[in-house]
């Protein structure tokens, strides 16, 4: 039950960030484009931080 509640809170936070203009889609795209230019083989990504893995998702 606690994990479900934590997931719900994280999803609500994510939605507020998107609605308030704090979502960094442009940053994710630029970062992923640069990595793709430098690396031509499959990579493994570990994103550590307070976010929900959006950057890692774009890189993969």
C-alpha atoms as a PDB file:
ATOM      1  CA  UNK A   1       0.000   0.000   0.000  1.00  0.00           C
ATOM      2  CA  UNK A   2       2.817   2.429   0.832  1.00  0.00           C
ATOM      3  CA  UNK A   3       4.496   1.878  -2.561  1.00  0.00           C
ATOM      4  CA  UNK A   4       1.202   2.560  -4.327  1.00  0.00           C
ATOM      5  CA  UNK A   5       0.788   5.774  -2.315  1.00  0.00           C
ATOM      6  CA  UNK A   6       4.376   6.838  -3.097  1.00  0.00           C
ATOM      7  CA  UNK A   7       3.848   6.193  -6.806  1.00  0.00           C
ATOM      8  CA  UNK A   8       0.649   8.227  -6.774  1.00  0.00           C
ATOM      9  CA  UNK A   9       2.414  11.112  -5.030  1.00  0.00           C
ATOM     10  CA  UNK A  10       5.267  10.978  -7.543  1.00  0.00           C
ATOM     11  CA  UNK A  11       2.843  11.014 -10.468  1.00  0.00           C
ATOM     12  CA  UNK A  12       0.950  13.963  -8.972  1.00  0.00           C
ATOM     13  CA  UNK A  13       4.237  15.845  -8.473  1.00  0.00           C
ATOM     14  CA  UNK A  14       5.254  15.079 -12.048  1.00  0.00           C
ATOM     15  CA  UNK A  15       1.951  16.425 -13.372  1.00  0.00           C
ATOM     16  CA  UNK A  16       2.312  19.640 -11.328  1.00  0.00           C
ATOM     17  CA  UNK A  17       5.824  20.177 -12.711  1.00  0.00           C
ATOM     18  CA  UNK A  18       4.553  19.776 -16.281  1.00  0.00           C
ATOM     19  CA  UNK A  19       1.590  22.106 -15.671  1.00  0.00           C
ATOM     20  CA  UNK A  20       3.774  24.764 -13.998  1.00  0.00           C
ATOM     21  CA  UNK A  21       6.308  24.816 -16.818  1.00  0.00           C
ATOM     22  CA  UNK A  22       9.110  23.168 -14.872  1.00  0.00           C
ATOM     23  CA  UNK A  23       9.300  20.171 -17.174  1.00  0.00           C
ATOM     24  CA  UNK A  24      12.537  20.179 -19.187  1.00  0.00           C
ATOM     25  CA  UNK A  25      11.636  18.376 -22.393  1.00  0.00           C
ATOM     26  CA  UNK A  26      13.928  20.647 -24.428  1.00  0.00           C
ATOM     27  CA  UNK A  27      16.864  19.833 -22.120  1.00  0.00           C
ATOM     28  CA  UNK A  28      16.170  16.094 -22.378  1.00  0.00           C
ATOM     29  CA  UNK A  29      16.037  16.258 -26.177  1.00  0.00           C
ATOM     30  CA  UNK A  30      19.251  18.283 -26.546  1.00  0.00           C
ATOM     31  CA  UNK A  31      21.091  16.028 -24.109  1.00  0.00           C
ATOM     32  CA  UNK A  32      19.897  12.857 -25.847  1.00  0.00           C
ATOM     33  CA  UNK A  33      20.773  14.263 -29.290  1.00  0.00           C
ATOM     34  CA  UNK A  34      24.331  15.036 -28.148  1.00  0.00           C
ATOM     35  CA  UNK A  35      24.811  11.590 -26.602  1.00  0.00           C
ATOM     36  CA  UNK A  36      23.497   9.959 -29.770  1.00  0.00           C
ATOM     37  CA  UNK A  37      26.042  11.908 -31.834  1.00  0.00           C
ATOM     38  CA  UNK A  38      28.911  10.663 -29.651  1.00  0.00           C
ATOM     39  CA  UNK A  39      27.904   7.056 -29.054  1.00  0.00           C
ATOM     40  CA  UNK A  40      26.886   4.656 -31.799  1.00  0.00           C
ATOM     41  CA  UNK A  41      26.504   1.514 -29.680  1.00  0.00           C
ATOM     42  CA  UNK A  42      23.812   0.590 -27.138  1.00  0.00           C
ATOM     43  CA  UNK A  43      24.371   2.093 -23.704  1.00  0.00           C
ATOM     44  CA  UNK A  44      23.165   1.497 -20.162  1.00  0.00           C
ATOM     45  CA  UNK A  45      21.917   4.533 -18.270  1.00  0.00           C
ATOM     46  CA  UNK A  46      21.620   5.049 -14.537  1.00  0.00           C
ATOM     47  CA  UNK A  47      19.959   8.329 -13.615  1.00  0.00           C
ATOM     48  CA  UNK A  48      20.333   9.254  -9.963  1.00  0.00           C
ATOM     49  CA  UNK A  49      18.458  12.166  -8.525  1.00  0.00           C
ATOM     50  CA  UNK A  50      15.098  13.447  -7.432  1.00  0.00           C
ATOM     51  CA  UNK A  51      13.465  13.145 -10.814  1.00  0.00           C
ATOM     52  CA  UNK A  52      11.416  10.272 -12.209  1.00  0.00           C
ATOM     53  CA  UNK A  53      13.857   9.043 -14.846  1.00  0.00           C
ATOM     54  CA  UNK A  54      12.798  11.225 -17.752  1.00  0.00           C
ATOM     55  CA  UNK A  55      16.363  11.867 -18.920  1.00  0.00           C
ATOM     56  CA  UNK A  56      17.273   8.186 -18.786  1.00  0.00           C
ATOM     57  CA  UNK A  57      14.090   7.382 -20.707  1.00  0.00           C
ATOM     58  CA  UNK A  58      15.097   9.771 -23.513  1.00  0.00           C
ATOM     59  CA  UNK A  59      18.625   8.381 -23.671  1.00  0.00           C
ATOM     60  CA  UNK A  60      17.438   4.815 -23.938  1.00  0.00           C
END
